[in-house]
Amino acid sequence: GLRQRWGPNLRIIGEEDDATSTTDALADQPLRDDILSNIPGVSTDEEIPLDEVTIFVDPLDGTREFVEGRLENVACLIGIVRNDRSIGGVIGLPFPSFSKD
């Protein structure tokens, strides 16, 4: 996961956290290196110092919808910040078979 690749000093803040998370909910998930490779104008060659980066994670956006079984309205949100400026984000659909096309 994220900390397995970049180490324990990567700041990850979860929705419920008051401060930087000490656990990595994504630790067992494999990273996909190909996600940025197909976006025109995006370079994956630049190295950014870890102390400039914060990752915000909302692992289950739509908790009420999840509890009520409306899984098409549930998402996983990840935001990436560098020096207090948003630089990227990801929206994942953890239940794609329930999503409307």
PDB file of N, CA and C in Angstrom:
ATOM      1  N   GLY A   1       0.804  -1.169   0.000  1.00  0.00           N
ATOM      2  CA  GLY A   1       0.000   0.000   0.000  1.00  0.00           C
ATOM      3  C   GLY A   1       0.860   1.252   0.000  1.00  0.00           C
ATOM      4  N   LEU A   2       0.274   2.343   0.350  1.00  0.00           N
ATOM      5  CA  LEU A   2       0.952   3.635   0.305  1.00  0.00           C
ATOM      6  C   LEU A   2       2.167   3.681   1.217  1.00  0.00           C
ATOM      7  N   ARG A   3       2.000   3.310   2.476  1.00  0.00           N
ATOM      8  CA  ARG A   3       3.127   3.377   3.413  1.00  0.00           C
ATOM      9  C   ARG A   3       4.151   2.282   3.160  1.00  0.00           C
ATOM     10  N   GLN A   4       3.732   1.169   2.600  1.00  0.00           N
ATOM     11  CA  GLN A   4       4.700   0.129   2.247  1.00  0.00           C
ATOM     12  C   GLN A   4       5.650   0.661   1.183  1.00  0.00           C
ATOM     13  N   ARG A   5       5.147   1.497   0.298  1.00  0.00           N
ATOM     14  CA  ARG A   5       5.972   2.009  -0.788  1.00  0.00           C
ATOM     15  C   ARG A   5       6.756   3.250  -0.404  1.00  0.00           C
ATOM     16  N   TRP A   6       6.112   4.200   0.325  1.00  0.00           N
ATOM     17  CA  TRP A   6       6.757   5.475   0.627  1.00  0.00           C
ATOM     18  C   TRP A   6       7.174   5.628   2.078  1.00  0.00           C
ATOM     19  N   GLY A   7       6.893   4.650   2.915  1.00  0.00           N
ATOM     20  CA  GLY A   7       7.376   4.675   4.284  1.00  0.00           C
ATOM     21  C   GLY A   7       6.373   5.233   5.283  1.00  0.00           C
ATOM     22  N   PRO A   8       6.693   5.100   6.565  1.00  0.00           N
ATOM     23  CA  PRO A   8       5.770   5.468   7.631  1.00  0.00           C
ATOM     24  C   PRO A   8       5.575   6.976   7.807  1.00  0.00           C
ATOM     25  N   ASN A   9       6.408   7.798   7.173  1.00  0.00           N
ATOM     26  CA  ASN A   9       6.296   9.247   7.341  1.00  0.00           C
ATOM     27  C   ASN A   9       5.288   9.900   6.401  1.00  0.00           C
ATOM     28  N   LEU A  10       4.685   9.127   5.506  1.00  0.00           N
ATOM     29  CA  LEU A  10       3.661   9.681   4.629  1.00  0.00           C
ATOM     30  C   LEU A  10       2.449  10.060   5.471  1.00  0.00           C
ATOM     31  N   ARG A  11       2.037  11.342   5.384  1.00  0.00           N
ATOM     32  CA  ARG A  11       0.869  11.808   6.147  1.00  0.00           C
ATOM     33  C   ARG A  11      -0.404  11.358   5.450  1.00  0.00           C
ATOM     34  N   ILE A  12      -1.196  10.561   6.174  1.00  0.00           N
ATOM     35  CA  ILE A  12      -2.503  10.127   5.684  1.00  0.00           C
ATOM     36  C   ILE A  12      -3.524  10.523   6.731  1.00  0.00           C
ATOM     37  N   ILE A  13      -4.505  11.305   6.314  1.00  0.00           N
ATOM     38  CA  ILE A  13      -5.541  11.775   7.235  1.00  0.00           C
ATOM     39  C   ILE A  13      -6.880  11.217   6.775  1.00  0.00           C
ATOM     40  N   GLY A  14      -7.543  10.486   7.670  1.00  0.00           N
ATOM     41  CA  GLY A  14      -8.853   9.923   7.370  1.00  0.00           C
ATOM     42  C   GLY A  14      -9.954  10.871   7.795  1.00  0.00           C
ATOM     43  N   GLU A  15     -11.132  10.645   7.275  1.00  0.00           N
ATOM     44  CA  GLU A  15     -12.277  11.510   7.567  1.00  0.00           C
ATOM     45  C   GLU A  15     -12.541  11.629   9.066  1.00  0.00           C
ATOM     46  N   GLU A  16     -12.364  10.562   9.784  1.00  0.00           N
ATOM     47  CA  GLU A  16     -12.667  10.541  11.219  1.00  0.00           C
ATOM     48  C   GLU A  16     -11.486  10.961  12.085  1.00  0.00           C
ATOM     49  N   ASP A  17     -10.315  11.168  11.471  1.00  0.00           N
ATOM     50  CA  ASP A  17      -9.115  11.484  12.242  1.00  0.00           C
ATOM     51  C   ASP A  17      -9.080  12.941  12.669  1.00  0.00           C
ATOM     52  N   ASP A  18      -8.624  13.171  13.904  1.00  0.00           N
ATOM     53  CA  ASP A  18      -8.372  14.525  14.368  1.00  0.00           C
ATOM     54  C   ASP A  18      -6.970  14.971  13.967  1.00  0.00           C
ATOM     55  N   ALA A  19      -6.096  14.009  13.780  1.00  0.00           N
ATOM     56  CA  ALA A  19      -4.709  14.286  13.398  1.00  0.00           C
ATOM     57  C   ALA A  19      -4.289  13.247  12.373  1.00  0.00           C
ATOM     58  N   THR A  20      -3.042  13.269  12.020  1.00  0.00           N
ATOM     59  CA  THR A  20      -2.533  12.325  11.044  1.00  0.00           C
ATOM     60  C   THR A  20      -2.766  10.894  11.508  1.00  0.00           C
ATOM     61  N   SER A  21      -3.278  10.084  10.619  1.00  0.00           N
ATOM     62  CA  SER A  21      -3.568   8.688  10.921  1.00  0.00           C
ATOM     63  C   SER A  21      -2.293   7.909  11.189  1.00  0.00           C
ATOM     64  N   THR A  22      -2.336   7.043  12.178  1.00  0.00           N
ATOM     65  CA  THR A  22      -1.173   6.200  12.454  1.00  0.00           C
ATOM     66  C   THR A  22      -1.337   4.830  11.825  1.00  0.00           C
ATOM     67  N   THR A  23      -2.486   4.580  11.233  1.00  0.00           N
ATOM     68  CA  THR A  23      -2.687   3.315  10.538  1.00  0.00           C
ATOM     69  C   THR A  23      -3.023   3.602   9.096  1.00  0.00           C
ATOM     70  N   ASP A  24      -2.678   2.690   8.238  1.00  0.00           N
ATOM     71  CA  ASP A  24      -2.915   2.867   6.814  1.00  0.00           C
ATOM     72  C   ASP A  24      -3.972   1.875   6.375  1.00  0.00           C
ATOM     73  N   ALA A  25      -5.188   2.345   6.183  1.00  0.00           N
ATOM     74  CA  ALA A  25      -6.289   1.472   5.793  1.00  0.00           C
ATOM     75  C   ALA A  25      -6.041   0.816   4.446  1.00  0.00           C
ATOM     76  N   LEU A  26      -5.155   1.397   3.646  1.00  0.00           N
ATOM     77  CA  LEU A  26      -4.888   0.868   2.316  1.00  0.00           C
ATOM     78  C   LEU A  26      -3.629   0.005   2.279  1.00  0.00           C
ATOM     79  N   ALA A  27      -3.095  -0.366   3.425  1.00  0.00           N
ATOM     80  CA  ALA A  27      -1.787  -1.024   3.488  1.00  0.00           C
ATOM     81  C   ALA A  27      -1.735  -2.325   2.697  1.00  0.00           C
ATOM     82  N   ASP A  28      -2.806  -3.062   2.635  1.00  0.00           N
ATOM     83  CA  ASP A  28      -2.783  -4.346   1.952  1.00  0.00           C
ATOM     84  C   ASP A  28      -3.206  -4.249   0.489  1.00  0.00           C
ATOM     85  N   GLN A  29      -3.577  -3.062   0.046  1.00  0.00           N
ATOM     86  CA  GLN A  29      -4.025  -2.897  -1.330  1.00  0.00           C
ATOM     87  C   GLN A  29      -2.844  -2.625  -2.248  1.00  0.00           C
ATOM     88  N   PRO A  30      -2.777  -3.291  -3.396  1.00  0.00           N
ATOM     89  CA  PRO A  30      -1.684  -3.024  -4.325  1.00  0.00           C
ATOM     90  C   PRO A  30      -1.841  -1.652  -4.967  1.00  0.00           C
ATOM     91  N   LEU A  31      -0.708  -1.025  -5.248  1.00  0.00           N
ATOM     92  CA  LEU A  31      -0.735   0.268  -5.928  1.00  0.00           C
ATOM     93  C   LEU A  31      -0.772   0.060  -7.426  1.00  0.00           C
ATOM     94  N   ARG A  32      -1.446   0.961  -8.118  1.00  0.00           N
ATOM     95  CA  ARG A  32      -1.492   0.914  -9.577  1.00  0.00           C
ATOM     96  C   ARG A  32      -0.623   2.025 -10.122  1.00  0.00           C
ATOM     97  N   ASP A  33       0.470   1.656 -10.726  1.00  0.00           N
ATOM     98  CA  ASP A  33       1.387   2.637 -11.306  1.00  0.00           C
ATOM     99  C   ASP A  33       0.891   3.184 -12.629  1.00  0.00           C
ATOM    100  N   ASP A  34      -0.082   2.547 -13.235  1.00  0.00           N
ATOM    101  CA  ASP A  34      -0.525   2.931 -14.570  1.00  0.00           C
ATOM    102  C   ASP A  34      -1.587   4.022 -14.588  1.00  0.00           C
ATOM    103  N   ILE A  35      -2.114   4.414 -13.450  1.00  0.00           N
ATOM    104  CA  ILE A  35      -3.248   5.338 -13.421  1.00  0.00           C
ATOM    105  C   ILE A  35      -2.911   6.668 -14.085  1.00  0.00           C
ATOM    106  N   LEU A  36      -1.750   7.234 -13.818  1.00  0.00           N
ATOM    107  CA  LEU A  36      -1.391   8.534 -14.374  1.00  0.00           C
ATOM    108  C   LEU A  36      -0.748   8.447 -15.751  1.00  0.00           C
ATOM    109  N   SER A  37      -0.390   7.263 -16.183  1.00  0.00           N
ATOM    110  CA  SER A  37       0.384   7.135 -17.413  1.00  0.00           C
ATOM    111  C   SER A  37      -0.373   7.533 -18.671  1.00  0.00           C
ATOM    112  N   ASN A  38      -1.686   7.532 -18.652  1.00  0.00           N
ATOM    113  CA  ASN A  38      -2.467   7.843 -19.849  1.00  0.00           C
ATOM    114  C   ASN A  38      -3.060   9.242 -19.855  1.00  0.00           C
ATOM    115  N   ILE A  39      -2.663  10.087 -18.920  1.00  0.00           N
ATOM    116  CA  ILE A  39      -3.205  11.449 -18.868  1.00  0.00           C
ATOM    117  C   ILE A  39      -2.238  12.391 -19.574  1.00  0.00           C
ATOM    118  N   PRO A  40      -2.677  13.027 -20.667  1.00  0.00           N
ATOM    119  CA  PRO A  40      -1.789  13.936 -21.399  1.00  0.00           C
ATOM    120  C   PRO A  40      -1.295  15.078 -20.510  1.00  0.00           C
ATOM    121  N   GLY A  41      -0.020  15.387 -20.596  1.00  0.00           N
ATOM    122  CA  GLY A  41       0.550  16.504 -19.860  1.00  0.00           C
ATOM    123  C   GLY A  41       0.937  16.197 -18.432  1.00  0.00           C
ATOM    124  N   VAL A  42       0.699  14.983 -17.957  1.00  0.00           N
ATOM    125  CA  VAL A  42       1.040  14.616 -16.590  1.00  0.00           C
ATOM    126  C   VAL A  42       2.355  13.847 -16.607  1.00  0.00           C
ATOM    127  N   SER A  43       3.309  14.338 -15.837  1.00  0.00           N
ATOM    128  CA  SER A  43       4.605  13.674 -15.739  1.00  0.00           C
ATOM    129  C   SER A  43       4.674  12.907 -14.437  1.00  0.00           C
ATOM    130  N   THR A  44       5.098  11.675 -14.516  1.00  0.00           N
ATOM    131  CA  THR A  44       5.286  10.876 -13.301  1.00  0.00           C
ATOM    132  C   THR A  44       6.757  10.812 -12.920  1.00  0.00           C
ATOM    133  N   ASP A  45       7.583  11.620 -13.603  1.00  0.00           N
ATOM    134  CA  ASP A  45       9.018  11.614 -13.346  1.00  0.00           C
ATOM    135  C   ASP A  45       9.438  12.536 -12.206  1.00  0.00           C
ATOM    136  N   GLU A  46       8.623  13.550 -11.892  1.00  0.00           N
ATOM    137  CA  GLU A  46       8.985  14.514 -10.855  1.00  0.00           C
ATOM    138  C   GLU A  46       8.930  13.852  -9.484  1.00  0.00           C
ATOM    139  N   GLU A  47       9.956  14.091  -8.684  1.00  0.00           N
ATOM    140  CA  GLU A  47       9.955  13.596  -7.315  1.00  0.00           C
ATOM    141  C   GLU A  47       9.568  14.732  -6.381  1.00  0.00           C
ATOM    142  N   ILE A  48       8.633  14.455  -5.490  1.00  0.00           N
ATOM    143  CA  ILE A  48       8.137  15.444  -4.536  1.00  0.00           C
ATOM    144  C   ILE A  48       8.546  14.991  -3.138  1.00  0.00           C
ATOM    145  N   PRO A  49       9.158  15.873  -2.345  1.00  0.00           N
ATOM    146  CA  PRO A  49       9.529  15.493  -0.976  1.00  0.00           C
ATOM    147  C   PRO A  49       8.290  15.096  -0.162  1.00  0.00           C
ATOM    148  N   LEU A  50       8.382  14.005   0.581  1.00  0.00           N
ATOM    149  CA  LEU A  50       7.243  13.504   1.351  1.00  0.00           C
ATOM    150  C   LEU A  50       6.702  14.520   2.345  1.00  0.00           C
ATOM    151  N   ASP A  51       7.558  15.363   2.890  1.00  0.00           N
ATOM    152  CA  ASP A  51       7.069  16.327   3.879  1.00  0.00           C
ATOM    153  C   ASP A  51       6.183  17.400   3.247  1.00  0.00           C
ATOM    154  N   GLU A  52       6.075  17.429   1.922  1.00  0.00           N
ATOM    155  CA  GLU A  52       5.188  18.372   1.231  1.00  0.00           C
ATOM    156  C   GLU A  52       3.832  17.756   0.885  1.00  0.00           C
ATOM    157  N   VAL A  53       3.664  16.462   1.146  1.00  0.00           N
ATOM    158  CA  VAL A  53       2.478  15.742   0.681  1.00  0.00           C
ATOM    159  C   VAL A  53       1.607  15.287   1.851  1.00  0.00           C
ATOM    160  N   THR A  54       0.289  15.439   1.665  1.00  0.00           N
ATOM    161  CA  THR A  54      -0.697  14.882   2.592  1.00  0.00           C
ATOM    162  C   THR A  54      -1.763  14.181   1.756  1.00  0.00           C
ATOM    163  N   ILE A  55      -2.164  12.994   2.198  1.00  0.00           N
ATOM    164  CA  ILE A  55      -3.214  12.225   1.542  1.00  0.00           C
ATOM    165  C   ILE A  55      -4.434  12.228   2.459  1.00  0.00           C
ATOM    166  N   PHE A  56      -5.579  12.624   1.914  1.00  0.00           N
ATOM    167  CA  PHE A  56      -6.838  12.595   2.659  1.00  0.00           C
ATOM    168  C   PHE A  56      -7.677  11.436   2.134  1.00  0.00           C
ATOM    169  N   VAL A  57      -8.222  10.628   3.065  1.00  0.00           N
ATOM    170  CA  VAL A  57      -8.979   9.447   2.665  1.00  0.00           C
ATOM    171  C   VAL A  57     -10.333   9.436   3.369  1.00  0.00           C
ATOM    172  N   ASP A  58     -11.373   9.266   2.571  1.00  0.00           N
ATOM    173  CA  ASP A  58     -12.703   8.982   3.096  1.00  0.00           C
ATOM    174  C   ASP A  58     -13.068   7.610   2.535  1.00  0.00           C
ATOM    175  N   PRO A  59     -12.816   6.549   3.319  1.00  0.00           N
ATOM    176  CA  PRO A  59     -12.964   5.203   2.777  1.00  0.00           C
ATOM    177  C   PRO A  59     -14.398   4.797   2.464  1.00  0.00           C
ATOM    178  N   LEU A  60     -15.373   5.489   3.045  1.00  0.00           N
ATOM    179  CA  LEU A  60     -16.768   5.134   2.781  1.00  0.00           C
ATOM    180  C   LEU A  60     -17.614   6.401   2.796  1.00  0.00           C
ATOM    181  N   ASP A  61     -17.571   7.148   1.701  1.00  0.00           N
ATOM    182  CA  ASP A  61     -18.422   8.321   1.576  1.00  0.00           C
ATOM    183  C   ASP A  61     -19.819   7.828   1.237  1.00  0.00           C
ATOM    184  N   GLY A  62     -20.762   8.160   2.076  1.00  0.00           N
ATOM    185  CA  GLY A  62     -22.125   7.668   1.907  1.00  0.00           C
ATOM    186  C   GLY A  62     -22.441   6.582   2.914  1.00  0.00           C
ATOM    187  N   THR A  63     -22.055   6.825   4.164  1.00  0.00           N
ATOM    188  CA  THR A  63     -22.269   5.813   5.203  1.00  0.00           C
ATOM    189  C   THR A  63     -23.752   5.477   5.356  1.00  0.00           C
ATOM    190  N   ARG A  64     -24.597   6.489   5.364  1.00  0.00           N
ATOM    191  CA  ARG A  64     -26.044   6.243   5.507  1.00  0.00           C
ATOM    192  C   ARG A  64     -26.558   5.408   4.337  1.00  0.00           C
ATOM    193  N   GLU A  65     -26.117   5.757   3.125  1.00  0.00           N
ATOM    194  CA  GLU A  65     -26.532   5.007   1.943  1.00  0.00           C
ATOM    195  C   GLU A  65     -26.072   3.551   2.033  1.00  0.00           C
ATOM    196  N   PHE A  66     -24.855   3.354   2.545  1.00  0.00           N
ATOM    197  CA  PHE A  66     -24.332   2.002   2.722  1.00  0.00           C
ATOM    198  C   PHE A  66     -25.201   1.209   3.689  1.00  0.00           C
ATOM    199  N   VAL A  67     -25.522   1.812   4.826  1.00  0.00           N
ATOM    200  CA  VAL A  67     -26.341   1.138   5.844  1.00  0.00           C
ATOM    201  C   VAL A  67     -27.729   0.830   5.296  1.00  0.00           C
ATOM    202  N   GLU A  68     -28.261   1.730   4.470  1.00  0.00           N
ATOM    203  CA  GLU A  68     -29.597   1.541   3.905  1.00  0.00           C
ATOM    204  C   GLU A  68     -29.599   0.641   2.671  1.00  0.00           C
ATOM    205  N   GLY A  69     -28.423   0.173   2.255  1.00  0.00           N
ATOM    206  CA  GLY A  69     -28.349  -0.733   1.119  1.00  0.00           C
ATOM    207  C   GLY A  69     -28.375  -0.068  -0.240  1.00  0.00           C
ATOM    208  N   ARG A  70     -28.216   1.267  -0.269  1.00  0.00           N
ATOM    209  CA  ARG A  70     -28.196   1.997  -1.549  1.00  0.00           C
ATOM    210  C   ARG A  70     -26.741   2.109  -2.016  1.00  0.00           C
ATOM    211  N   LEU A  71     -26.171   0.972  -2.386  1.00  0.00           N
ATOM    212  CA  LEU A  71     -24.746   0.871  -2.654  1.00  0.00           C
ATOM    213  C   LEU A  71     -24.304   1.659  -3.888  1.00  0.00           C
ATOM    214  N   GLU A  72     -25.210   1.969  -4.785  1.00  0.00           N
ATOM    215  CA  GLU A  72     -24.850   2.781  -5.961  1.00  0.00           C
ATOM    216  C   GLU A  72     -24.488   4.210  -5.583  1.00  0.00           C
ATOM    217  N   ASN A  73     -24.796   4.620  -4.357  1.00  0.00           N
ATOM    218  CA  ASN A  73     -24.506   5.971  -3.878  1.00  0.00           C
ATOM    219  C   ASN A  73     -23.313   6.022  -2.923  1.00  0.00           C
ATOM    220  N   VAL A  74     -22.513   4.974  -2.886  1.00  0.00           N
ATOM    221  CA  VAL A  74     -21.361   4.894  -1.996  1.00  0.00           C
ATOM    222  C   VAL A  74     -20.083   5.064  -2.812  1.00  0.00           C
ATOM    223  N   ALA A  75     -19.117   5.810  -2.264  1.00  0.00           N
ATOM    224  CA  ALA A  75     -17.849   6.021  -2.957  1.00  0.00           C
ATOM    225  C   ALA A  75     -16.702   6.024  -1.956  1.00  0.00           C
ATOM    226  N   CYS A  76     -15.510   5.833  -2.461  1.00  0.00           N
ATOM    227  CA  CYS A  76     -14.271   5.986  -1.700  1.00  0.00           C
ATOM    228  C   CYS A  76     -13.563   7.199  -2.285  1.00  0.00           C
ATOM    229  N   LEU A  77     -13.213   8.168  -1.440  1.00  0.00           N
ATOM    230  CA  LEU A  77     -12.618   9.420  -1.906  1.00  0.00           C
ATOM    231  C   LEU A  77     -11.191   9.555  -1.399  1.00  0.00           C
ATOM    232  N   ILE A  78     -10.293   9.956  -2.290  1.00  0.00           N
ATOM    233  CA  ILE A  78      -8.895  10.186  -1.919  1.00  0.00           C
ATOM    234  C   ILE A  78      -8.470  11.524  -2.505  1.00  0.00           C
ATOM    235  N   GLY A  79      -7.927  12.401  -1.658  1.00  0.00           N
ATOM    236  CA  GLY A  79      -7.418  13.690  -2.104  1.00  0.00           C
ATOM    237  C   GLY A  79      -5.925  13.782  -1.835  1.00  0.00           C
ATOM    238  N   ILE A  80      -5.215  14.422  -2.758  1.00  0.00           N
ATOM    239  CA  ILE A  80      -3.768  14.583  -2.630  1.00  0.00           C
ATOM    240  C   ILE A  80      -3.448  16.062  -2.570  1.00  0.00           C
ATOM    241  N   VAL A  81      -2.696  16.462  -1.534  1.00  0.00           N
ATOM    242  CA  VAL A  81      -2.365  17.860  -1.298  1.00  0.00           C
ATOM    243  C   VAL A  81      -0.848  18.002  -1.242  1.00  0.00           C
ATOM    244  N   ARG A  82      -0.342  19.051  -1.897  1.00  0.00           N
ATOM    245  CA  ARG A  82       1.084  19.386  -1.805  1.00  0.00           C
ATOM    246  C   ARG A  82       1.192  20.816  -1.334  1.00  0.00           C
ATOM    247  N   ASN A  83       1.869  21.003  -0.207  1.00  0.00           N
ATOM    248  CA  ASN A  83       2.045  22.347   0.367  1.00  0.00           C
ATOM    249  C   ASN A  83       0.726  23.094   0.465  1.00  0.00           C
ATOM    250  N   ASP A  84      -0.269  22.446   1.039  1.00  0.00           N
ATOM    251  CA  ASP A  84      -1.594  23.032   1.282  1.00  0.00           C
ATOM    252  C   ASP A  84      -2.357  23.375   0.005  1.00  0.00           C
ATOM    253  N   ARG A  85      -1.992  22.779  -1.122  1.00  0.00           N
ATOM    254  CA  ARG A  85      -2.692  23.021  -2.392  1.00  0.00           C
ATOM    255  C   ARG A  85      -3.114  21.680  -2.991  1.00  0.00           C
ATOM    256  N   SER A  86      -4.386  21.564  -3.336  1.00  0.00           N
ATOM    257  CA  SER A  86      -4.874  20.334  -3.951  1.00  0.00           C
ATOM    258  C   SER A  86      -4.188  20.102  -5.282  1.00  0.00           C
ATOM    259  N   ILE A  87      -3.699  18.875  -5.470  1.00  0.00           N
ATOM    260  CA  ILE A  87      -3.059  18.563  -6.748  1.00  0.00           C
ATOM    261  C   ILE A  87      -3.683  17.341  -7.426  1.00  0.00           C
ATOM    262  N   GLY A  88      -4.566  16.637  -6.742  1.00  0.00           N
ATOM    263  CA  GLY A  88      -5.196  15.481  -7.371  1.00  0.00           C
ATOM    264  C   GLY A  88      -6.217  14.833  -6.467  1.00  0.00           C
ATOM    265  N   GLY A  89      -6.987  13.972  -7.076  1.00  0.00           N
ATOM    266  CA  GLY A  89      -7.992  13.244  -6.314  1.00  0.00           C
ATOM    267  C   GLY A  89      -8.502  12.061  -7.105  1.00  0.00           C
ATOM    268  N   VAL A  90      -9.088  11.136  -6.372  1.00  0.00           N
ATOM    269  CA  VAL A  90      -9.619   9.925  -6.973  1.00  0.00           C
ATOM    270  C   VAL A  90     -10.963   9.622  -6.340  1.00  0.00           C
ATOM    271  N   ILE A  91     -11.906   9.216  -7.168  1.00  0.00           N
ATOM    272  CA  ILE A  91     -13.197   8.730  -6.685  1.00  0.00           C
ATOM    273  C   ILE A  91     -13.304   7.278  -7.111  1.00  0.00           C
ATOM    274  N   GLY A  92     -13.449   6.410  -6.143  1.00  0.00           N
ATOM    275  CA  GLY A  92     -13.602   4.989  -6.446  1.00  0.00           C
ATOM    276  C   GLY A  92     -15.005   4.532  -6.110  1.00  0.00           C
ATOM    277  N   LEU A  93     -15.496   3.609  -6.903  1.00  0.00           N
ATOM    278  CA  LEU A  93     -16.812   3.023  -6.646  1.00  0.00           C
ATOM    279  C   LEU A  93     -16.599   1.597  -6.125  1.00  0.00           C
ATOM    280  N   PRO A  94     -16.716   1.409  -4.807  1.00  0.00           N
ATOM    281  CA  PRO A  94     -16.415   0.098  -4.236  1.00  0.00           C
ATOM    282  C   PRO A  94     -17.433  -0.975  -4.611  1.00  0.00           C
ATOM    283  N   PHE A  95     -18.585  -0.561  -5.101  1.00  0.00           N
ATOM    284  CA  PHE A  95     -19.625  -1.509  -5.496  1.00  0.00           C
ATOM    285  C   PHE A  95     -20.062  -1.228  -6.934  1.00  0.00           C
ATOM    286  N   PRO A  96     -19.162  -1.429  -7.914  1.00  0.00           N
ATOM    287  CA  PRO A  96     -19.462  -1.038  -9.294  1.00  0.00           C
ATOM    288  C   PRO A  96     -20.647  -1.771  -9.893  1.00  0.00           C
ATOM    289  N   SER A  97     -20.944  -2.972  -9.445  1.00  0.00           N
ATOM    290  CA  SER A  97     -22.057  -3.697 -10.019  1.00  0.00           C
ATOM    291  C   SER A  97     -23.409  -3.065  -9.662  1.00  0.00           C
ATOM    292  N   PHE A  98     -23.407  -2.184  -8.657  1.00  0.00           N
ATOM    293  CA  PHE A  98     -24.628  -1.501  -8.260  1.00  0.00           C
ATOM    294  C   PHE A  98     -24.751  -0.114  -8.886  1.00  0.00           C
ATOM    295  N   SER A  99     -23.701   0.356  -9.548  1.00  0.00           N
ATOM    296  CA  SER A  99     -23.689   1.699 -10.141  1.00  0.00           C
ATOM    297  C   SER A  99     -24.540   1.736 -11.392  1.00  0.00           C
ATOM    298  N   LYS A 100     -25.195   2.849 -11.576  1.00  0.00           N
ATOM    299  CA  LYS A 100     -26.022   3.041 -12.773  1.00  0.00           C
ATOM    300  C   LYS A 100     -25.162   3.586 -13.885  1.00  0.00           C
ATOM    301  N   ASP A 101     -25.307   3.051 -15.071  1.00  0.00           N
ATOM    302  CA  ASP A 101     -24.529   3.541 -16.230  1.00  0.00           C
ATOM    303  C   ASP A 101     -25.300   4.590 -16.976  1.00  0.00           C
TER     304      ASP A 101
END
